[in-house]
Amino acid sequence: MSDPQATVHLVDDEAAVRDALAFLMRTHGLRVETHASGPELLAALEAAHEPHGCIVLDVRMEPLSGLQVQDELIARGFPLPVIFLSGHGDIPMAVDAMQKGAIDFVEKPFNDQALVNKVQRALALDVHRQREARAQADAAGRLASLTDREREVALLVASGKLNKQVADELGIAIRTVEVHRARAFTKLGLRSAAELATLLERFELKR
């Protein structure tokens, strides 16, 4: 499901193409911003607070080509899904764009409905990525809230060790291990050692 507040950024140096694409997207209820060049797009994204949506990007433009704009998006940390449009593309160009994370490479002329479908999939992908990023940030925050001892205990529990083994390794009482373990699980919102192991693996945390 796409975010109704997400923006489709249309980037093409031909005004007629921009207007036609914007009209097409708006007739499907999508929020649209048009940009005459890559630098215009980049300036708009820099000015926006956490921009989200997707980018429909022409390949052949000045002063930056679509592929150069894609490089700038990567370098500046804008993870919005990119769909390339091209009337002059070739296979190596398409492969290069896809390897850098573009989700589609569409040759002109294109079917209007097919393009709208691709844009809607791109918006849904952006929503999914945002949710994943928020979940990752939330989990990182929970991990950061652990005390040093809670973290030590959690790492050993996640490695499969029993409370007694943890206590022996850390030189503390089993009851103390139980307390730190319970506090760590509460802070992390987890119920089992398996969930803990999965979480720590996601952050590549090992003892």
N, C-alpha and C. Protein backbone atom coordinates (compact mmCIF):
# COMPACT_ATOMS: atom_id res chain seq x y z
N MET A 1 0.85 -1.19 0.00
CA MET A 1 0.00 0.00 0.00
C MET A 1 0.89 1.24 0.00
N SER A 2 0.63 2.19 -0.91
CA SER A 2 1.47 3.38 -0.98
C SER A 2 0.98 4.44 -0.01
N ASP A 3 1.87 5.37 0.31
CA ASP A 3 1.56 6.48 1.20
C ASP A 3 0.92 7.59 0.37
N PRO A 4 -0.31 8.02 0.70
CA PRO A 4 -0.96 9.06 -0.10
C PRO A 4 -0.22 10.38 -0.06
N GLN A 5 0.65 10.57 0.92
CA GLN A 5 1.43 11.80 1.02
C GLN A 5 2.77 11.70 0.28
N ALA A 6 3.10 10.54 -0.24
CA ALA A 6 4.36 10.37 -0.95
C ALA A 6 4.32 11.13 -2.27
N THR A 7 5.50 11.54 -2.72
CA THR A 7 5.60 12.36 -3.93
C THR A 7 6.29 11.61 -5.05
N VAL A 8 5.71 11.71 -6.24
CA VAL A 8 6.37 11.19 -7.44
C VAL A 8 7.16 12.35 -8.04
N HIS A 9 8.49 12.23 -8.04
CA HIS A 9 9.35 13.27 -8.61
C HIS A 9 9.63 12.93 -10.07
N LEU A 10 9.13 13.77 -10.96
CA LEU A 10 9.32 13.57 -12.40
C LEU A 10 10.45 14.47 -12.87
N VAL A 11 11.49 13.87 -13.44
CA VAL A 11 12.66 14.64 -13.86
C VAL A 11 12.88 14.43 -15.35
N ASP A 12 12.67 15.50 -16.13
CA ASP A 12 12.87 15.44 -17.57
C ASP A 12 13.12 16.86 -18.06
N ASP A 13 14.07 17.02 -18.98
CA ASP A 13 14.37 18.38 -19.45
C ASP A 13 13.42 18.85 -20.55
N GLU A 14 12.49 18.02 -20.96
CA GLU A 14 11.48 18.44 -21.94
C GLU A 14 10.18 18.76 -21.20
N ALA A 15 9.78 20.03 -21.29
CA ALA A 15 8.59 20.49 -20.56
C ALA A 15 7.34 19.71 -20.97
N ALA A 16 7.22 19.41 -22.26
CA ALA A 16 6.02 18.71 -22.73
C ALA A 16 5.93 17.31 -22.11
N VAL A 17 7.08 16.66 -21.99
CA VAL A 17 7.10 15.32 -21.38
C VAL A 17 6.74 15.40 -19.90
N ARG A 18 7.35 16.39 -19.22
CA ARG A 18 7.05 16.55 -17.78
C ARG A 18 5.57 16.79 -17.56
N ASP A 19 4.99 17.68 -18.35
CA ASP A 19 3.58 18.01 -18.17
C ASP A 19 2.69 16.79 -18.44
N ALA A 20 3.02 16.05 -19.50
CA ALA A 20 2.20 14.89 -19.84
C ALA A 20 2.29 13.82 -18.74
N LEU A 21 3.50 13.59 -18.24
CA LEU A 21 3.66 12.60 -17.17
C LEU A 21 2.96 13.05 -15.89
N ALA A 22 3.08 14.34 -15.58
CA ALA A 22 2.43 14.85 -14.37
C ALA A 22 0.91 14.69 -14.48
N PHE A 23 0.37 15.01 -15.64
CA PHE A 23 -1.07 14.87 -15.84
C PHE A 23 -1.49 13.41 -15.66
N LEU A 24 -0.70 12.50 -16.26
CA LEU A 24 -1.01 11.08 -16.15
C LEU A 24 -1.02 10.62 -14.68
N MET A 25 0.00 11.01 -13.94
CA MET A 25 0.10 10.57 -12.54
C MET A 25 -1.02 11.18 -11.69
N ARG A 26 -1.32 12.44 -11.94
CA ARG A 26 -2.35 13.11 -11.13
C ARG A 26 -3.74 12.54 -11.40
N THR A 27 -3.97 12.09 -12.63
CA THR A 27 -5.27 11.49 -12.91
C THR A 27 -5.46 10.17 -12.15
N HIS A 28 -4.36 9.63 -11.65
CA HIS A 28 -4.43 8.42 -10.82
C HIS A 28 -4.30 8.74 -9.33
N GLY A 29 -4.46 10.03 -9.01
CA GLY A 29 -4.50 10.42 -7.60
C GLY A 29 -3.14 10.52 -6.94
N LEU A 30 -2.09 10.62 -7.72
CA LEU A 30 -0.75 10.66 -7.13
C LEU A 30 -0.26 12.09 -6.98
N ARG A 31 0.47 12.34 -5.91
CA ARG A 31 1.08 13.65 -5.67
C ARG A 31 2.34 13.75 -6.53
N VAL A 32 2.50 14.86 -7.25
CA VAL A 32 3.58 14.98 -8.22
C VAL A 32 4.35 16.28 -8.04
N GLU A 33 5.69 16.19 -8.21
CA GLU A 33 6.53 17.38 -8.36
C GLU A 33 7.35 17.18 -9.63
N THR A 34 7.48 18.25 -10.44
CA THR A 34 8.26 18.13 -11.66
C THR A 34 9.57 18.91 -11.52
N HIS A 35 10.59 18.40 -12.19
CA HIS A 35 11.92 19.03 -12.14
C HIS A 35 12.51 19.00 -13.55
N ALA A 36 13.10 20.13 -13.97
CA ALA A 36 13.63 20.23 -15.32
C ALA A 36 15.04 19.66 -15.45
N SER A 37 15.67 19.35 -14.33
CA SER A 37 17.04 18.83 -14.38
C SER A 37 17.36 18.08 -13.10
N GLY A 38 18.48 17.35 -13.14
CA GLY A 38 18.94 16.65 -11.94
C GLY A 38 19.24 17.60 -10.80
N PRO A 39 19.98 18.69 -11.05
CA PRO A 39 20.25 19.63 -9.95
C PRO A 39 18.98 20.17 -9.31
N GLU A 40 17.93 20.40 -10.11
CA GLU A 40 16.66 20.87 -9.52
C GLU A 40 16.09 19.82 -8.58
N LEU A 41 16.13 18.57 -9.01
CA LEU A 41 15.64 17.49 -8.15
C LEU A 41 16.44 17.42 -6.86
N LEU A 42 17.77 17.44 -6.99
CA LEU A 42 18.62 17.31 -5.81
C LEU A 42 18.40 18.46 -4.84
N ALA A 43 18.21 19.66 -5.37
CA ALA A 43 17.95 20.82 -4.50
C ALA A 43 16.61 20.65 -3.77
N ALA A 44 15.61 20.13 -4.47
CA ALA A 44 14.30 19.94 -3.84
C ALA A 44 14.36 18.88 -2.75
N LEU A 45 15.11 17.82 -3.00
CA LEU A 45 15.23 16.76 -1.99
C LEU A 45 16.02 17.25 -0.78
N GLU A 46 17.06 18.04 -1.05
CA GLU A 46 17.86 18.59 0.06
C GLU A 46 17.00 19.49 0.94
N ALA A 47 16.08 20.23 0.31
CA ALA A 47 15.25 21.18 1.06
C ALA A 47 14.11 20.49 1.80
N ALA A 48 13.74 19.30 1.36
CA ALA A 48 12.60 18.60 1.98
C ALA A 48 13.03 17.92 3.28
N HIS A 49 12.08 17.77 4.21
CA HIS A 49 12.35 17.05 5.45
C HIS A 49 12.00 15.58 5.24
N GLU A 50 13.02 14.73 5.23
CA GLU A 50 12.85 13.30 5.01
C GLU A 50 11.94 13.03 3.80
N PRO A 51 12.42 13.37 2.59
CA PRO A 51 11.59 13.14 1.40
C PRO A 51 11.28 11.66 1.21
N HIS A 52 10.08 11.38 0.76
CA HIS A 52 9.74 10.01 0.45
C HIS A 52 8.81 9.97 -0.75
N GLY A 53 8.77 8.84 -1.39
CA GLY A 53 8.03 8.68 -2.63
C GLY A 53 8.89 7.91 -3.61
N CYS A 54 8.96 8.37 -4.85
CA CYS A 54 9.83 7.73 -5.84
C CYS A 54 10.24 8.76 -6.89
N ILE A 55 11.16 8.36 -7.75
CA ILE A 55 11.70 9.26 -8.76
C ILE A 55 11.57 8.60 -10.12
N VAL A 56 10.98 9.35 -11.07
CA VAL A 56 10.93 8.91 -12.46
C VAL A 56 11.92 9.79 -13.21
N LEU A 57 12.99 9.18 -13.72
CA LEU A 57 14.17 9.94 -14.14
C LEU A 57 14.51 9.66 -15.60
N ASP A 58 14.56 10.73 -16.39
CA ASP A 58 14.98 10.58 -17.79
C ASP A 58 16.49 10.32 -17.83
N VAL A 59 16.93 9.55 -18.79
CA VAL A 59 18.35 9.20 -18.87
C VAL A 59 19.17 10.33 -19.49
N ARG A 60 18.71 10.85 -20.62
CA ARG A 60 19.52 11.83 -21.35
C ARG A 60 19.11 13.24 -20.99
N MET A 61 19.90 13.89 -20.15
CA MET A 61 19.61 15.26 -19.73
C MET A 61 20.92 16.01 -19.56
N GLU A 62 20.83 17.33 -19.44
CA GLU A 62 21.95 18.20 -19.12
C GLU A 62 21.59 19.02 -17.89
N PRO A 63 22.51 19.45 -17.05
CA PRO A 63 23.94 19.19 -17.12
C PRO A 63 24.35 17.82 -16.60
N LEU A 64 23.44 17.14 -15.87
CA LEU A 64 23.74 15.80 -15.38
C LEU A 64 22.84 14.80 -16.10
N SER A 65 23.42 13.70 -16.54
CA SER A 65 22.60 12.64 -17.12
C SER A 65 21.83 11.95 -16.00
N GLY A 66 20.84 11.15 -16.38
CA GLY A 66 20.08 10.42 -15.38
C GLY A 66 20.96 9.52 -14.53
N LEU A 67 21.93 8.88 -15.16
CA LEU A 67 22.82 8.00 -14.41
C LEU A 67 23.69 8.79 -13.44
N GLN A 68 24.11 9.99 -13.85
CA GLN A 68 24.89 10.83 -12.92
C GLN A 68 24.03 11.31 -11.76
N VAL A 69 22.76 11.60 -12.05
CA VAL A 69 21.84 11.97 -10.97
C VAL A 69 21.69 10.81 -9.99
N GLN A 70 21.56 9.61 -10.53
CA GLN A 70 21.45 8.43 -9.66
C GLN A 70 22.68 8.32 -8.75
N ASP A 71 23.87 8.57 -9.31
CA ASP A 71 25.09 8.53 -8.49
C ASP A 71 25.01 9.56 -7.36
N GLU A 72 24.49 10.74 -7.67
CA GLU A 72 24.38 11.79 -6.65
C GLU A 72 23.36 11.41 -5.58
N LEU A 73 22.27 10.78 -6.00
CA LEU A 73 21.26 10.34 -5.02
C LEU A 73 21.87 9.35 -4.04
N ILE A 74 22.67 8.44 -4.57
CA ILE A 74 23.33 7.45 -3.71
C ILE A 74 24.32 8.14 -2.78
N ALA A 75 25.14 9.04 -3.36
CA ALA A 75 26.17 9.72 -2.57
C ALA A 75 25.56 10.57 -1.46
N ARG A 76 24.38 11.16 -1.72
CA ARG A 76 23.76 12.06 -0.73
C ARG A 76 22.80 11.33 0.21
N GLY A 77 22.65 10.01 -0.01
CA GLY A 77 21.84 9.22 0.92
C GLY A 77 20.35 9.36 0.74
N PHE A 78 19.90 9.53 -0.48
CA PHE A 78 18.46 9.56 -0.76
C PHE A 78 18.06 8.18 -1.32
N PRO A 79 17.42 7.35 -0.50
CA PRO A 79 17.13 5.98 -0.93
C PRO A 79 15.82 5.81 -1.70
N LEU A 80 15.29 6.88 -2.27
CA LEU A 80 14.00 6.76 -2.97
C LEU A 80 14.13 5.85 -4.19
N PRO A 81 13.15 4.98 -4.42
CA PRO A 81 13.18 4.11 -5.60
C PRO A 81 13.22 4.94 -6.88
N VAL A 82 14.02 4.48 -7.85
CA VAL A 82 14.18 5.21 -9.11
C VAL A 82 13.72 4.34 -10.28
N ILE A 83 12.89 4.96 -11.14
CA ILE A 83 12.49 4.34 -12.41
C ILE A 83 13.09 5.19 -13.52
N PHE A 84 13.88 4.59 -14.38
CA PHE A 84 14.46 5.32 -15.50
C PHE A 84 13.54 5.27 -16.70
N LEU A 85 13.49 6.39 -17.42
CA LEU A 85 12.81 6.45 -18.72
C LEU A 85 13.87 6.78 -19.77
N SER A 86 13.81 6.08 -20.89
CA SER A 86 14.82 6.36 -21.90
C SER A 86 14.30 6.09 -23.31
N GLY A 87 14.64 7.00 -24.21
CA GLY A 87 14.39 6.76 -25.63
C GLY A 87 15.65 6.37 -26.34
N HIS A 88 16.77 6.38 -25.58
CA HIS A 88 18.07 6.12 -26.20
C HIS A 88 18.90 5.14 -25.37
N GLY A 89 18.28 4.41 -24.49
CA GLY A 89 19.03 3.52 -23.62
C GLY A 89 19.55 2.29 -24.34
N ASP A 90 20.50 1.63 -23.72
CA ASP A 90 20.99 0.37 -24.24
C ASP A 90 21.14 -0.59 -23.07
N ILE A 91 21.45 -1.84 -23.37
CA ILE A 91 21.51 -2.85 -22.32
C ILE A 91 22.58 -2.54 -21.27
N PRO A 92 23.80 -2.19 -21.66
CA PRO A 92 24.80 -1.88 -20.62
C PRO A 92 24.35 -0.73 -19.71
N MET A 93 23.70 0.27 -20.29
CA MET A 93 23.21 1.39 -19.49
C MET A 93 22.15 0.91 -18.50
N ALA A 94 21.24 0.08 -18.97
CA ALA A 94 20.18 -0.43 -18.10
C ALA A 94 20.76 -1.31 -17.00
N VAL A 95 21.73 -2.14 -17.37
CA VAL A 95 22.36 -3.01 -16.36
C VAL A 95 23.05 -2.17 -15.30
N ASP A 96 23.76 -1.13 -15.73
CA ASP A 96 24.46 -0.25 -14.79
C ASP A 96 23.47 0.38 -13.81
N ALA A 97 22.36 0.88 -14.36
CA ALA A 97 21.35 1.53 -13.51
C ALA A 97 20.74 0.55 -12.52
N MET A 98 20.44 -0.65 -12.99
CA MET A 98 19.81 -1.65 -12.11
C MET A 98 20.78 -2.11 -11.03
N GLN A 99 22.06 -2.26 -11.39
CA GLN A 99 23.05 -2.69 -10.41
C GLN A 99 23.23 -1.65 -9.31
N LYS A 100 22.95 -0.39 -9.63
CA LYS A 100 23.06 0.67 -8.62
C LYS A 100 21.76 0.86 -7.86
N GLY A 101 20.76 0.01 -8.12
CA GLY A 101 19.56 0.04 -7.30
C GLY A 101 18.30 0.54 -7.97
N ALA A 102 18.37 0.94 -9.24
CA ALA A 102 17.13 1.34 -9.92
C ALA A 102 16.18 0.15 -9.95
N ILE A 103 14.90 0.44 -9.82
CA ILE A 103 13.95 -0.68 -9.77
C ILE A 103 13.37 -1.00 -11.13
N ASP A 104 13.54 -0.09 -12.12
CA ASP A 104 13.04 -0.40 -13.46
C ASP A 104 13.71 0.52 -14.48
N PHE A 105 13.73 0.06 -15.70
CA PHE A 105 14.31 0.84 -16.80
C PHE A 105 13.32 0.72 -17.96
N VAL A 106 12.59 1.79 -18.22
CA VAL A 106 11.46 1.75 -19.16
C VAL A 106 11.84 2.47 -20.45
N GLU A 107 11.67 1.79 -21.57
CA GLU A 107 11.96 2.41 -22.86
C GLU A 107 10.76 3.18 -23.38
N LYS A 108 11.03 4.36 -23.95
CA LYS A 108 9.99 5.15 -24.62
C LYS A 108 9.79 4.61 -26.03
N PRO A 109 8.62 4.61 -26.57
CA PRO A 109 7.35 4.98 -25.92
C PRO A 109 6.90 3.85 -24.99
N PHE A 110 6.14 4.23 -23.98
CA PHE A 110 5.71 3.24 -22.99
C PHE A 110 4.19 3.26 -22.87
N ASN A 111 3.66 2.19 -22.33
CA ASN A 111 2.23 2.09 -22.06
C ASN A 111 1.93 2.87 -20.78
N ASP A 112 0.99 3.80 -20.85
CA ASP A 112 0.70 4.67 -19.70
C ASP A 112 0.34 3.87 -18.44
N GLN A 113 -0.58 2.93 -18.58
CA GLN A 113 -1.01 2.17 -17.41
C GLN A 113 0.13 1.34 -16.83
N ALA A 114 0.95 0.79 -17.73
CA ALA A 114 2.09 0.00 -17.25
C ALA A 114 3.03 0.88 -16.43
N LEU A 115 3.25 2.12 -16.89
CA LEU A 115 4.13 3.02 -16.13
C LEU A 115 3.51 3.39 -14.79
N VAL A 116 2.22 3.67 -14.78
CA VAL A 116 1.55 3.99 -13.52
C VAL A 116 1.67 2.82 -12.55
N ASN A 117 1.50 1.61 -13.05
CA ASN A 117 1.64 0.43 -12.19
C ASN A 117 3.04 0.34 -11.59
N LYS A 118 4.04 0.64 -12.41
CA LYS A 118 5.43 0.59 -11.91
C LYS A 118 5.64 1.66 -10.84
N VAL A 119 5.08 2.85 -11.06
CA VAL A 119 5.22 3.93 -10.08
C VAL A 119 4.53 3.54 -8.77
N GLN A 120 3.36 2.94 -8.85
CA GLN A 120 2.66 2.54 -7.62
C GLN A 120 3.44 1.46 -6.88
N ARG A 121 4.08 0.57 -7.61
CA ARG A 121 4.92 -0.44 -6.95
C ARG A 121 6.13 0.24 -6.29
N ALA A 122 6.68 1.25 -6.96
CA ALA A 122 7.82 1.97 -6.39
C ALA A 122 7.41 2.69 -5.10
N LEU A 123 6.22 3.28 -5.08
CA LEU A 123 5.75 3.96 -3.87
C LEU A 123 5.53 2.96 -2.74
N ALA A 124 5.00 1.81 -3.07
CA ALA A 124 4.80 0.77 -2.05
C ALA A 124 6.14 0.30 -1.51
N LEU A 125 7.13 0.18 -2.39
CA LEU A 125 8.46 -0.22 -1.95
C LEU A 125 9.05 0.81 -1.00
N ASP A 126 8.84 2.09 -1.30
CA ASP A 126 9.35 3.14 -0.42
C ASP A 126 8.71 3.07 0.96
N VAL A 127 7.40 2.80 1.00
CA VAL A 127 6.72 2.65 2.29
C VAL A 127 7.33 1.49 3.07
N HIS A 128 7.58 0.39 2.38
CA HIS A 128 8.18 -0.79 3.04
C HIS A 128 9.56 -0.43 3.58
N ARG A 129 10.36 0.26 2.78
CA ARG A 129 11.72 0.63 3.22
C ARG A 129 11.66 1.56 4.43
N GLN A 130 10.70 2.47 4.43
CA GLN A 130 10.57 3.38 5.58
C GLN A 130 10.24 2.61 6.85
N ARG A 131 9.31 1.66 6.72
CA ARG A 131 8.94 0.86 7.90
C ARG A 131 10.14 0.08 8.41
N GLU A 132 10.92 -0.49 7.48
CA GLU A 132 12.10 -1.25 7.88
C GLU A 132 13.12 -0.34 8.56
N ALA A 133 13.29 0.86 8.03
CA ALA A 133 14.26 1.78 8.61
C ALA A 133 13.83 2.20 10.01
N ARG A 134 12.50 2.44 10.19
CA ARG A 134 12.01 2.82 11.52
C ARG A 134 12.19 1.68 12.51
N ALA A 135 11.91 0.46 12.05
CA ALA A 135 12.07 -0.71 12.92
C ALA A 135 13.53 -0.90 13.31
N GLN A 136 14.41 -0.68 12.35
CA GLN A 136 15.84 -0.81 12.63
C GLN A 136 16.30 0.25 13.63
N ALA A 137 15.83 1.48 13.46
CA ALA A 137 16.21 2.56 14.37
C ALA A 137 15.65 2.29 15.77
N ASP A 138 14.42 1.77 15.83
CA ASP A 138 13.81 1.46 17.13
C ASP A 138 14.60 0.37 17.84
N ALA A 139 14.97 -0.66 17.10
CA ALA A 139 15.74 -1.75 17.69
C ALA A 139 17.11 -1.27 18.15
N ALA A 140 17.74 -0.39 17.36
CA ALA A 140 19.04 0.15 17.75
C ALA A 140 18.93 0.95 19.04
N GLY A 141 17.83 1.70 19.16
CA GLY A 141 17.61 2.48 20.37
C GLY A 141 17.42 1.59 21.60
N ARG A 142 16.69 0.51 21.41
CA ARG A 142 16.48 -0.42 22.53
C ARG A 142 17.80 -1.07 22.95
N LEU A 143 18.61 -1.45 21.96
CA LEU A 143 19.90 -2.06 22.28
C LEU A 143 20.79 -1.07 23.02
N ALA A 144 20.74 0.18 22.60
CA ALA A 144 21.58 1.20 23.24
C ALA A 144 21.16 1.45 24.68
N SER A 145 19.92 1.09 25.04
CA SER A 145 19.44 1.33 26.40
C SER A 145 19.93 0.28 27.39
N LEU A 146 20.53 -0.80 26.90
CA LEU A 146 21.03 -1.84 27.79
C LEU A 146 22.26 -1.35 28.55
N THR A 147 22.37 -1.77 29.81
CA THR A 147 23.60 -1.51 30.54
C THR A 147 24.68 -2.46 30.02
N ASP A 148 25.93 -2.18 30.39
CA ASP A 148 27.03 -3.04 29.93
C ASP A 148 26.81 -4.49 30.36
N ARG A 149 26.35 -4.67 31.62
CA ARG A 149 26.15 -6.03 32.13
C ARG A 149 24.97 -6.71 31.43
N GLU A 150 23.89 -5.97 31.23
CA GLU A 150 22.74 -6.53 30.51
C GLU A 150 23.14 -6.96 29.10
N ARG A 151 23.99 -6.16 28.50
CA ARG A 151 24.43 -6.47 27.14
C ARG A 151 25.30 -7.74 27.15
N GLU A 152 26.19 -7.85 28.13
CA GLU A 152 27.04 -9.06 28.23
C GLU A 152 26.17 -10.29 28.39
N VAL A 153 25.21 -10.21 29.30
CA VAL A 153 24.32 -11.35 29.54
C VAL A 153 23.52 -11.68 28.29
N ALA A 154 23.01 -10.65 27.63
CA ALA A 154 22.19 -10.88 26.43
C ALA A 154 23.00 -11.58 25.34
N LEU A 155 24.24 -11.16 25.15
CA LEU A 155 25.07 -11.77 24.12
C LEU A 155 25.33 -13.25 24.41
N LEU A 156 25.54 -13.56 25.69
CA LEU A 156 25.80 -14.96 26.05
C LEU A 156 24.53 -15.80 25.94
N VAL A 157 23.40 -15.23 26.34
CA VAL A 157 22.12 -15.95 26.21
C VAL A 157 21.83 -16.21 24.74
N ALA A 158 22.09 -15.21 23.92
CA ALA A 158 21.83 -15.36 22.48
C ALA A 158 22.72 -16.42 21.85
N SER A 159 23.88 -16.65 22.45
CA SER A 159 24.79 -17.67 21.91
C SER A 159 24.38 -19.08 22.31
N GLY A 160 23.30 -19.17 23.13
CA GLY A 160 22.77 -20.48 23.49
C GLY A 160 23.15 -20.95 24.88
N LYS A 161 23.80 -20.12 25.65
CA LYS A 161 24.25 -20.55 26.97
C LYS A 161 23.13 -20.43 28.01
N LEU A 162 23.13 -21.38 28.93
CA LEU A 162 22.15 -21.38 30.02
C LEU A 162 22.57 -20.38 31.09
N ASN A 163 21.62 -20.05 31.97
CA ASN A 163 21.91 -19.06 33.01
C ASN A 163 23.13 -19.44 33.85
N LYS A 164 23.23 -20.73 34.18
CA LYS A 164 24.38 -21.17 35.00
C LYS A 164 25.70 -20.97 34.24
N GLN A 165 25.67 -21.29 32.95
CA GLN A 165 26.89 -21.10 32.15
C GLN A 165 27.26 -19.62 32.04
N VAL A 166 26.25 -18.78 31.91
CA VAL A 166 26.50 -17.33 31.85
C VAL A 166 27.09 -16.86 33.17
N ALA A 167 26.49 -17.35 34.26
CA ALA A 167 26.97 -16.95 35.59
C ALA A 167 28.43 -17.37 35.78
N ASP A 168 28.75 -18.60 35.38
CA ASP A 168 30.13 -19.07 35.53
C ASP A 168 31.10 -18.24 34.69
N GLU A 169 30.70 -17.93 33.46
CA GLU A 169 31.60 -17.19 32.57
C GLU A 169 31.84 -15.76 33.05
N LEU A 170 30.78 -15.16 33.62
CA LEU A 170 30.92 -13.77 34.06
C LEU A 170 31.34 -13.66 35.52
N GLY A 171 31.32 -14.80 36.23
CA GLY A 171 31.72 -14.78 37.63
C GLY A 171 30.70 -14.09 38.52
N ILE A 172 29.42 -14.26 38.21
CA ILE A 172 28.37 -13.64 39.01
C ILE A 172 27.35 -14.72 39.39
N ALA A 173 26.42 -14.38 40.30
CA ALA A 173 25.43 -15.34 40.76
C ALA A 173 24.37 -15.58 39.69
N ILE A 174 23.79 -16.80 39.74
CA ILE A 174 22.73 -17.12 38.78
C ILE A 174 21.57 -16.15 38.91
N ARG A 175 21.23 -15.80 40.15
CA ARG A 175 20.12 -14.87 40.37
C ARG A 175 20.40 -13.52 39.70
N THR A 176 21.66 -13.10 39.75
CA THR A 176 22.03 -11.83 39.11
C THR A 176 21.86 -11.94 37.60
N VAL A 177 22.24 -13.09 37.05
CA VAL A 177 22.05 -13.31 35.61
C VAL A 177 20.57 -13.22 35.27
N GLU A 178 19.75 -13.87 36.10
CA GLU A 178 18.31 -13.88 35.85
C GLU A 178 17.74 -12.45 35.83
N VAL A 179 18.21 -11.63 36.75
CA VAL A 179 17.72 -10.25 36.83
C VAL A 179 18.14 -9.47 35.58
N HIS A 180 19.42 -9.57 35.21
CA HIS A 180 19.89 -8.83 34.03
C HIS A 180 19.22 -9.35 32.76
N ARG A 181 19.02 -10.65 32.70
CA ARG A 181 18.37 -11.24 31.53
C ARG A 181 16.94 -10.71 31.40
N ALA A 182 16.22 -10.72 32.52
CA ALA A 182 14.83 -10.26 32.49
C ALA A 182 14.74 -8.79 32.10
N ARG A 183 15.65 -7.98 32.63
CA ARG A 183 15.65 -6.54 32.30
C ARG A 183 15.97 -6.33 30.82
N ALA A 184 16.93 -7.11 30.31
CA ALA A 184 17.30 -6.97 28.89
C ALA A 184 16.13 -7.35 28.00
N PHE A 185 15.46 -8.44 28.34
CA PHE A 185 14.32 -8.86 27.52
C PHE A 185 13.20 -7.81 27.55
N THR A 186 12.97 -7.24 28.72
CA THR A 186 11.93 -6.21 28.83
C THR A 186 12.27 -4.99 27.99
N LYS A 187 13.51 -4.53 28.10
CA LYS A 187 13.93 -3.35 27.34
C LYS A 187 13.84 -3.60 25.84
N LEU A 188 14.17 -4.82 25.43
CA LEU A 188 14.19 -5.13 24.00
C LEU A 188 12.83 -5.56 23.47
N GLY A 189 11.88 -5.78 24.39
CA GLY A 189 10.55 -6.21 23.96
C GLY A 189 10.54 -7.62 23.39
N LEU A 190 11.37 -8.50 23.96
CA LEU A 190 11.50 -9.86 23.44
C LEU A 190 11.00 -10.87 24.48
N ARG A 191 10.68 -12.07 23.98
CA ARG A 191 10.18 -13.10 24.88
C ARG A 191 11.02 -14.36 24.88
N SER A 192 11.92 -14.50 23.94
CA SER A 192 12.68 -15.75 23.88
C SER A 192 14.12 -15.50 23.46
N ALA A 193 14.96 -16.48 23.77
CA ALA A 193 16.37 -16.39 23.37
C ALA A 193 16.51 -16.42 21.85
N ALA A 194 15.59 -17.11 21.19
CA ALA A 194 15.63 -17.17 19.72
C ALA A 194 15.40 -15.79 19.13
N GLU A 195 14.42 -15.06 19.68
CA GLU A 195 14.17 -13.70 19.19
C GLU A 195 15.37 -12.80 19.46
N LEU A 196 15.98 -13.01 20.63
CA LEU A 196 17.17 -12.22 20.97
C LEU A 196 18.31 -12.50 19.99
N ALA A 197 18.52 -13.77 19.68
CA ALA A 197 19.59 -14.14 18.75
C ALA A 197 19.35 -13.53 17.38
N THR A 198 18.09 -13.54 16.94
CA THR A 198 17.76 -12.96 15.62
C THR A 198 18.05 -11.47 15.61
N LEU A 199 17.67 -10.79 16.70
CA LEU A 199 17.90 -9.34 16.78
C LEU A 199 19.39 -9.03 16.76
N LEU A 200 20.16 -9.74 17.58
CA LEU A 200 21.60 -9.45 17.65
C LEU A 200 22.30 -9.81 16.35
N GLU A 201 21.80 -10.83 15.68
CA GLU A 201 22.39 -11.21 14.39
C GLU A 201 22.15 -10.10 13.35
N ARG A 202 20.96 -9.48 13.44
CA ARG A 202 20.65 -8.39 12.50
C ARG A 202 21.65 -7.26 12.64
N PHE A 203 22.11 -7.04 13.88
CA PHE A 203 23.08 -5.97 14.11
C PHE A 203 24.51 -6.50 14.15
N GLU A 204 24.65 -7.79 13.82
CA GLU A 204 25.96 -8.44 13.77
C GLU A 204 26.69 -8.28 15.09
N LEU A 205 25.95 -8.48 16.18
CA LEU A 205 26.54 -8.39 17.52
C LEU A 205 26.83 -9.78 18.02
N LYS A 206 28.09 -10.02 18.38
CA LYS A 206 28.49 -11.32 18.92
C LYS A 206 29.48 -11.08 20.05
N ARG A 207 29.52 -12.05 20.95
CA ARG A 207 30.51 -11.93 22.01
C ARG A 207 31.77 -12.66 21.62
